[in-house]
């Protein structure tokens, strides 16, 4: 699964692991991305979205129709 959020655009970041002896090695910070299925009433079908945890809360607040409109405005095909 791709570690990119369709709504917020959250993508992996990079940094360092720091051991007990303080040696640094590269690591990757992945956002918490989940596949969620939502009913899109305007099109009469379900849509499956890859959303971060923050984006799932955003969809709950603004609604699925507005979220899909924002995703399509970013140029992502659903």
PDB file of N, CA and C in Angstrom:
ATOM      1  N   UNK A   1       0.841  -1.171   0.000  1.00  0.00           N
ATOM      2  CA  UNK A   1       0.000   0.000   0.000  1.00  0.00           C
ATOM      3  C   UNK A   1       0.892   1.241   0.000  1.00  0.00           C
ATOM      4  N   UNK A   2       0.525   2.192  -0.814  1.00  0.00           N
ATOM      5  CA  UNK A   2       1.277   3.434  -0.884  1.00  0.00           C
ATOM      6  C   UNK A   2       1.086   4.228   0.398  1.00  0.00           C
ATOM      7  N   UNK A   3       2.142   4.837   0.874  1.00  0.00           N
ATOM      8  CA  UNK A   3       2.073   5.585   2.130  1.00  0.00           C
ATOM      9  C   UNK A   3       1.755   7.048   1.878  1.00  0.00           C
ATOM     10  N   UNK A   4       0.831   7.328   0.937  1.00  0.00           N
ATOM     11  CA  UNK A   4       0.414   8.692   0.647  1.00  0.00           C
ATOM     12  C   UNK A   4      -1.073   8.822   0.903  1.00  0.00           C
ATOM     13  N   UNK A   5      -1.477   9.939   1.486  1.00  0.00           N
ATOM     14  CA  UNK A   5      -2.878  10.210   1.753  1.00  0.00           C
ATOM     15  C   UNK A   5      -3.471  10.944   0.552  1.00  0.00           C
ATOM     16  N   UNK A   6      -4.641  10.503   0.091  1.00  0.00           N
ATOM     17  CA  UNK A   6      -5.271  11.129  -1.056  1.00  0.00           C
ATOM     18  C   UNK A   6      -5.815  12.518  -0.729  1.00  0.00           C
ATOM     19  N   UNK A   7      -6.231  12.750   0.498  1.00  0.00           N
ATOM     20  CA  UNK A   7      -6.855  14.019   0.869  1.00  0.00           C
ATOM     21  C   UNK A   7      -5.838  15.064   1.306  1.00  0.00           C
ATOM     22  N   UNK A   8      -4.974  14.718   2.222  1.00  0.00           N
ATOM     23  CA  UNK A   8      -4.042  15.706   2.774  1.00  0.00           C
ATOM     24  C   UNK A   8      -2.698  15.712   2.069  1.00  0.00           C
ATOM     25  N   UNK A   9      -2.394  14.658   1.323  1.00  0.00           N
ATOM     26  CA  UNK A   9      -1.103  14.582   0.654  1.00  0.00           C
ATOM     27  C   UNK A   9       0.027  14.181   1.583  1.00  0.00           C
ATOM     28  N   UNK A  10      -0.306  13.699   2.770  1.00  0.00           N
ATOM     29  CA  UNK A  10       0.718  13.277   3.721  1.00  0.00           C
ATOM     30  C   UNK A  10       1.569  12.180   3.096  1.00  0.00           C
ATOM     31  N   UNK A  11       2.880  12.328   3.181  1.00  0.00           N
ATOM     32  CA  UNK A  11       3.814  11.393   2.569  1.00  0.00           C
ATOM     33  C   UNK A  11       4.887  11.034   3.590  1.00  0.00           C
ATOM     34  N   UNK A  12       5.648   9.980   3.329  1.00  0.00           N
ATOM     35  CA  UNK A  12       6.707   9.598   4.261  1.00  0.00           C
ATOM     36  C   UNK A  12       7.755  10.692   4.431  1.00  0.00           C
ATOM     37  N   UNK A  13       8.252  10.801   5.638  1.00  0.00           N
ATOM     38  CA  UNK A  13       9.347  11.711   5.932  1.00  0.00           C
ATOM     39  C   UNK A  13      10.572  10.891   6.288  1.00  0.00           C
ATOM     40  N   UNK A  14      11.691  11.552   6.454  1.00  0.00           N
ATOM     41  CA  UNK A  14      12.897  10.812   6.792  1.00  0.00           C
ATOM     42  C   UNK A  14      13.554  11.427   8.013  1.00  0.00           C
ATOM     43  N   UNK A  15      14.369  10.626   8.663  1.00  0.00           N
ATOM     44  CA  UNK A  15      15.069  11.072   9.855  1.00  0.00           C
ATOM     45  C   UNK A  15      16.091  10.033  10.244  1.00  0.00           C
ATOM     46  N   UNK A  16      16.443  10.019  11.481  1.00  0.00           N
ATOM     47  CA  UNK A  16      17.435   9.075  11.971  1.00  0.00           C
ATOM     48  C   UNK A  16      16.911   8.282  13.153  1.00  0.00           C
ATOM     49  N   UNK A  17      17.284   7.009  13.198  1.00  0.00           N
ATOM     50  CA  UNK A  17      17.131   6.227  14.430  1.00  0.00           C
ATOM     51  C   UNK A  17      18.322   6.600  15.293  1.00  0.00           C
ATOM     52  N   UNK A  18      18.110   6.722  16.565  1.00  0.00           N
ATOM     53  CA  UNK A  18      19.228   7.020  17.455  1.00  0.00           C
ATOM     54  C   UNK A  18      19.275   5.919  18.501  1.00  0.00           C
ATOM     55  N   UNK A  19      20.376   5.181  18.510  1.00  0.00           N
ATOM     56  CA  UNK A  19      20.517   4.050  19.411  1.00  0.00           C
ATOM     57  C   UNK A  19      20.890   4.538  20.814  1.00  0.00           C
ATOM     58  N   UNK A  20      20.987   3.587  21.709  1.00  0.00           N
ATOM     59  CA  UNK A  20      21.364   3.924  23.078  1.00  0.00           C
ATOM     60  C   UNK A  20      22.754   4.560  23.122  1.00  0.00           C
ATOM     61  N   UNK A  21      23.657   4.113  22.232  1.00  0.00           N
ATOM     62  CA  UNK A  21      25.008   4.687  22.183  1.00  0.00           C
ATOM     63  C   UNK A  21      25.052   5.963  21.335  1.00  0.00           C
ATOM     64  N   UNK A  22      23.895   6.401  20.872  1.00  0.00           N
ATOM     65  CA  UNK A  22      23.708   7.638  20.101  1.00  0.00           C
ATOM     66  C   UNK A  22      24.254   7.557  18.681  1.00  0.00           C
ATOM     67  N   UNK A  23      24.368   6.346  18.129  1.00  0.00           N
ATOM     68  CA  UNK A  23      24.713   6.193  16.713  1.00  0.00           C
ATOM     69  C   UNK A  23      23.460   6.460  15.899  1.00  0.00           C
ATOM     70  N   UNK A  24      23.626   7.067  14.746  1.00  0.00           N
ATOM     71  CA  UNK A  24      22.478   7.445  13.926  1.00  0.00           C
ATOM     72  C   UNK A  24      22.446   6.634  12.638  1.00  0.00           C
ATOM     73  N   UNK A  25      21.289   6.079  12.338  1.00  0.00           N
ATOM     74  CA  UNK A  25      21.084   5.365  11.088  1.00  0.00           C
ATOM     75  C   UNK A  25      19.790   5.873  10.468  1.00  0.00           C
ATOM     76  N   UNK A  26      19.703   5.904   9.149  1.00  0.00           N
ATOM     77  CA  UNK A  26      18.512   6.453   8.491  1.00  0.00           C
ATOM     78  C   UNK A  26      17.257   5.640   8.790  1.00  0.00           C
ATOM     79  N   UNK A  27      16.140   6.321   8.849  1.00  0.00           N
ATOM     80  CA  UNK A  27      14.848   5.667   9.011  1.00  0.00           C
ATOM     81  C   UNK A  27      13.792   6.451   8.257  1.00  0.00           C
ATOM     82  N   UNK A  28      12.609   5.897   8.191  1.00  0.00           N
ATOM     83  CA  UNK A  28      11.515   6.497   7.442  1.00  0.00           C
ATOM     84  C   UNK A  28      10.301   6.626   8.351  1.00  0.00           C
ATOM     85  N   UNK A  29       9.665   7.792   8.355  1.00  0.00           N
ATOM     86  CA  UNK A  29       8.455   8.036   9.137  1.00  0.00           C
ATOM     87  C   UNK A  29       7.264   7.952   8.190  1.00  0.00           C
ATOM     88  N   UNK A  30       6.508   6.870   8.260  1.00  0.00           N
ATOM     89  CA  UNK A  30       5.335   6.712   7.407  1.00  0.00           C
ATOM     90  C   UNK A  30       4.091   7.250   8.104  1.00  0.00           C
ATOM     91  N   UNK A  31       3.212   7.950   7.380  1.00  0.00           N
ATOM     92  CA  UNK A  31       1.949   8.362   7.980  1.00  0.00           C
ATOM     93  C   UNK A  31       1.044   7.143   8.164  1.00  0.00           C
ATOM     94  N   UNK A  32       0.107   7.230   9.080  1.00  0.00           N
ATOM     95  CA  UNK A  32      -0.842   6.149   9.308  1.00  0.00           C
ATOM     96  C   UNK A  32      -1.907   6.225   8.221  1.00  0.00           C
ATOM     97  N   UNK A  33      -1.745   5.404   7.176  1.00  0.00           N
ATOM     98  CA  UNK A  33      -2.659   5.439   6.032  1.00  0.00           C
ATOM     99  C   UNK A  33      -3.512   4.176   6.039  1.00  0.00           C
ATOM    100  N   UNK A  34      -4.828   4.358   5.918  1.00  0.00           N
ATOM    101  CA  UNK A  34      -5.782   3.251   5.910  1.00  0.00           C
ATOM    102  C   UNK A  34      -6.648   3.350   4.669  1.00  0.00           C
ATOM    103  N   UNK A  35      -7.131   2.213   4.190  1.00  0.00           N
ATOM    104  CA  UNK A  35      -8.088   2.216   3.086  1.00  0.00           C
ATOM    105  C   UNK A  35      -9.492   2.233   3.681  1.00  0.00           C
ATOM    106  N   UNK A  36     -10.257   3.240   3.320  1.00  0.00           N
ATOM    107  CA  UNK A  36     -11.622   3.383   3.837  1.00  0.00           C
ATOM    108  C   UNK A  36     -12.592   3.394   2.667  1.00  0.00           C
ATOM    109  N   UNK A  37     -13.708   2.732   2.825  1.00  0.00           N
ATOM    110  CA  UNK A  37     -14.742   2.708   1.796  1.00  0.00           C
ATOM    111  C   UNK A  37     -15.893   3.585   2.261  1.00  0.00           C
ATOM    112  N   UNK A  38     -16.257   4.555   1.429  1.00  0.00           N
ATOM    113  CA  UNK A  38     -17.327   5.488   1.756  1.00  0.00           C
ATOM    114  C   UNK A  38     -18.385   5.452   0.660  1.00  0.00           C
ATOM    115  N   UNK A  39     -19.637   5.688   1.052  1.00  0.00           N
ATOM    116  CA  UNK A  39     -20.727   5.753   0.091  1.00  0.00           C
ATOM    117  C   UNK A  39     -20.796   7.167  -0.460  1.00  0.00           C
ATOM    118  N   UNK A  40     -20.713   7.293  -1.789  1.00  0.00           N
ATOM    119  CA  UNK A  40     -20.796   8.580  -2.462  1.00  0.00           C
ATOM    120  C   UNK A  40     -22.187   8.671  -3.072  1.00  0.00           C
ATOM    121  N   UNK A  41     -23.088   9.366  -2.378  1.00  0.00           N
ATOM    122  CA  UNK A  41     -24.492   9.388  -2.770  1.00  0.00           C
ATOM    123  C   UNK A  41     -24.710  10.060  -4.120  1.00  0.00           C
ATOM    124  N   UNK A  42     -23.930  11.082  -4.436  1.00  0.00           N
ATOM    125  CA  UNK A  42     -24.138  11.808  -5.693  1.00  0.00           C
ATOM    126  C   UNK A  42     -23.880  10.927  -6.916  1.00  0.00           C
ATOM    127  N   UNK A  43     -23.005   9.931  -6.779  1.00  0.00           N
ATOM    128  CA  UNK A  43     -22.707   9.034  -7.896  1.00  0.00           C
ATOM    129  C   UNK A  43     -23.339   7.666  -7.718  1.00  0.00           C
ATOM    130  N   UNK A  44     -23.953   7.430  -6.560  1.00  0.00           N
ATOM    131  CA  UNK A  44     -24.628   6.161  -6.309  1.00  0.00           C
ATOM    132  C   UNK A  44     -23.685   4.981  -6.242  1.00  0.00           C
ATOM    133  N   UNK A  45     -22.501   5.184  -5.684  1.00  0.00           N
ATOM    134  CA  UNK A  45     -21.524   4.108  -5.601  1.00  0.00           C
ATOM    135  C   UNK A  45     -20.607   4.309  -4.402  1.00  0.00           C
ATOM    136  N   UNK A  46     -19.881   3.247  -4.065  1.00  0.00           N
ATOM    137  CA  UNK A  46     -18.870   3.336  -3.025  1.00  0.00           C
ATOM    138  C   UNK A  46     -17.559   3.795  -3.646  1.00  0.00           C
ATOM    139  N   UNK A  47     -16.792   4.552  -2.883  1.00  0.00           N
ATOM    140  CA  UNK A  47     -15.436   4.915  -3.298  1.00  0.00           C
ATOM    141  C   UNK A  47     -14.486   4.428  -2.219  1.00  0.00           C
ATOM    142  N   UNK A  48     -13.339   3.917  -2.648  1.00  0.00           N
ATOM    143  CA  UNK A  48     -12.331   3.446  -1.711  1.00  0.00           C
ATOM    144  C   UNK A  48     -11.201   4.468  -1.699  1.00  0.00           C
ATOM    145  N   UNK A  49     -10.944   5.028  -0.519  1.00  0.00           N
ATOM    146  CA  UNK A  49      -9.960   6.095  -0.377  1.00  0.00           C
ATOM    147  C   UNK A  49      -8.820   5.645   0.527  1.00  0.00           C
ATOM    148  N   UNK A  50      -7.586   6.065   0.203  1.00  0.00           N
ATOM    149  CA  UNK A  50      -6.433   5.846   1.077  1.00  0.00           C
ATOM    150  C   UNK A  50      -6.269   7.125   1.887  1.00  0.00           C
ATOM    151  N   UNK A  51      -6.606   7.058   3.174  1.00  0.00           N
ATOM    152  CA  UNK A  51      -6.635   8.246   4.014  1.00  0.00           C
ATOM    153  C   UNK A  51      -5.757   8.074   5.242  1.00  0.00           C
ATOM    154  N   UNK A  52      -5.115   9.167   5.649  1.00  0.00           N
ATOM    155  CA  UNK A  52      -4.363   9.172   6.893  1.00  0.00           C
ATOM    156  C   UNK A  52      -5.357   9.287   8.053  1.00  0.00           C
ATOM    157  N   UNK A  53      -4.878   9.060   9.251  1.00  0.00           N
ATOM    158  CA  UNK A  53      -5.744   9.123  10.426  1.00  0.00           C
ATOM    159  C   UNK A  53      -6.353  10.515  10.565  1.00  0.00           C
ATOM    160  N   UNK A  54      -5.563  11.548  10.300  1.00  0.00           N
ATOM    161  CA  UNK A  54      -6.070  12.921  10.383  1.00  0.00           C
ATOM    162  C   UNK A  54      -7.124  13.166   9.306  1.00  0.00           C
ATOM    163  N   UNK A  55      -6.912  12.623   8.101  1.00  0.00           N
ATOM    164  CA  UNK A  55      -7.860  12.817   7.005  1.00  0.00           C
ATOM    165  C   UNK A  55      -9.182  12.101   7.279  1.00  0.00           C
ATOM    166  N   UNK A  56      -9.151  10.971   7.974  1.00  0.00           N
ATOM    167  CA  UNK A  56     -10.390  10.274   8.323  1.00  0.00           C
ATOM    168  C   UNK A  56     -11.239  11.164   9.221  1.00  0.00           C
ATOM    169  N   UNK A  57     -10.597  11.842  10.167  1.00  0.00           N
ATOM    170  CA  UNK A  57     -11.339  12.776  11.019  1.00  0.00           C
ATOM    171  C   UNK A  57     -11.849  13.970  10.215  1.00  0.00           C
ATOM    172  N   UNK A  58     -11.093  14.408   9.226  1.00  0.00           N
ATOM    173  CA  UNK A  58     -11.527  15.512   8.375  1.00  0.00           C
ATOM    174  C   UNK A  58     -12.761  15.121   7.578  1.00  0.00           C
ATOM    175  N   UNK A  59     -12.784  13.902   7.039  1.00  0.00           N
ATOM    176  CA  UNK A  59     -13.949  13.422   6.290  1.00  0.00           C
ATOM    177  C   UNK A  59     -15.171  13.374   7.195  1.00  0.00           C
ATOM    178  N   UNK A  60     -14.994  12.960   8.437  1.00  0.00           N
ATOM    179  CA  UNK A  60     -16.109  12.938   9.383  1.00  0.00           C
ATOM    180  C   UNK A  60     -16.648  14.352   9.625  1.00  0.00           C
ATOM    181  N   UNK A  61     -15.772  15.342   9.616  1.00  0.00           N
ATOM    182  CA  UNK A  61     -16.181  16.718   9.899  1.00  0.00           C
ATOM    183  C   UNK A  61     -16.820  17.400   8.693  1.00  0.00           C
ATOM    184  N   UNK A  62     -16.227  17.247   7.493  1.00  0.00           N
ATOM    185  CA  UNK A  62     -16.725  17.998   6.329  1.00  0.00           C
ATOM    186  C   UNK A  62     -17.639  17.183   5.438  1.00  0.00           C
ATOM    187  N   UNK A  63     -17.650  15.886   5.581  1.00  0.00           N
ATOM    188  CA  UNK A  63     -18.502  15.035   4.757  1.00  0.00           C
ATOM    189  C   UNK A  63     -17.741  14.433   3.585  1.00  0.00           C
ATOM    190  N   UNK A  64     -18.282  13.343   3.067  1.00  0.00           N
ATOM    191  CA  UNK A  64     -17.621  12.608   1.995  1.00  0.00           C
ATOM    192  C   UNK A  64     -17.636  13.394   0.694  1.00  0.00           C
ATOM    193  N   UNK A  65     -18.750  14.045   0.382  1.00  0.00           N
ATOM    194  CA  UNK A  65     -18.866  14.785  -0.883  1.00  0.00           C
ATOM    195  C   UNK A  65     -17.809  15.887  -0.966  1.00  0.00           C
ATOM    196  N   UNK A  66     -17.645  16.656   0.109  1.00  0.00           N
ATOM    197  CA  UNK A  66     -16.660  17.739   0.122  1.00  0.00           C
ATOM    198  C   UNK A  66     -15.247  17.179   0.073  1.00  0.00           C
ATOM    199  N   UNK A  67     -15.011  16.072   0.749  1.00  0.00           N
ATOM    200  CA  UNK A  67     -13.679  15.460   0.749  1.00  0.00           C
ATOM    201  C   UNK A  67     -13.317  14.968  -0.649  1.00  0.00           C
ATOM    202  N   UNK A  68     -14.251  14.327  -1.332  1.00  0.00           N
ATOM    203  CA  UNK A  68     -13.997  13.842  -2.690  1.00  0.00           C
ATOM    204  C   UNK A  68     -13.752  15.026  -3.628  1.00  0.00           C
ATOM    205  N   UNK A  69     -14.475  16.116  -3.440  1.00  0.00           N
ATOM    206  CA  UNK A  69     -14.246  17.311  -4.257  1.00  0.00           C
ATOM    207  C   UNK A  69     -12.836  17.848  -4.046  1.00  0.00           C
ATOM    208  N   UNK A  70     -12.351  17.860  -2.795  1.00  0.00           N
ATOM    209  CA  UNK A  70     -10.985  18.319  -2.513  1.00  0.00           C
ATOM    210  C   UNK A  70      -9.947  17.385  -3.136  1.00  0.00           C
ATOM    211  N   UNK A  71     -10.216  16.076  -3.063  1.00  0.00           N
ATOM    212  CA  UNK A  71      -9.270  15.107  -3.628  1.00  0.00           C
ATOM    213  C   UNK A  71      -9.191  15.296  -5.146  1.00  0.00           C
ATOM    214  N   UNK A  72     -10.335  15.461  -5.789  1.00  0.00           N
ATOM    215  CA  UNK A  72     -10.336  15.662  -7.244  1.00  0.00           C
ATOM    216  C   UNK A  72      -9.697  16.988  -7.626  1.00  0.00           C
ATOM    217  N   UNK A  73      -9.822  18.009  -6.769  1.00  0.00           N
ATOM    218  CA  UNK A  73      -9.177  19.309  -7.035  1.00  0.00           C
ATOM    219  C   UNK A  73      -7.660  19.166  -6.999  1.00  0.00           C
ATOM    220  N   UNK A  74      -7.146  18.227  -6.213  1.00  0.00           N
ATOM    221  CA  UNK A  74      -5.708  17.983  -6.169  1.00  0.00           C
ATOM    222  C   UNK A  74      -5.236  17.220  -7.402  1.00  0.00           C
ATOM    223  N   UNK A  75      -6.164  16.730  -8.221  1.00  0.00           N
ATOM    224  CA  UNK A  75      -5.803  16.015  -9.436  1.00  0.00           C
ATOM    225  C   UNK A  75      -5.704  14.521  -9.267  1.00  0.00           C
ATOM    226  N   UNK A  76      -6.210  14.001  -8.153  1.00  0.00           N
ATOM    227  CA  UNK A  76      -6.171  12.557  -7.908  1.00  0.00           C
ATOM    228  C   UNK A  76      -7.432  11.927  -8.487  1.00  0.00           C
ATOM    229  N   UNK A  77      -7.257  10.860  -9.247  1.00  0.00           N
ATOM    230  CA  UNK A  77      -8.380  10.180  -9.857  1.00  0.00           C
ATOM    231  C   UNK A  77      -8.966   9.173  -8.881  1.00  0.00           C
ATOM    232  N   UNK A  78     -10.293   9.159  -8.760  1.00  0.00           N
ATOM    233  CA  UNK A  78     -10.965   8.230  -7.844  1.00  0.00           C
ATOM    234  C   UNK A  78     -11.757   7.225  -8.663  1.00  0.00           C
TER     235      UNK A  78
END
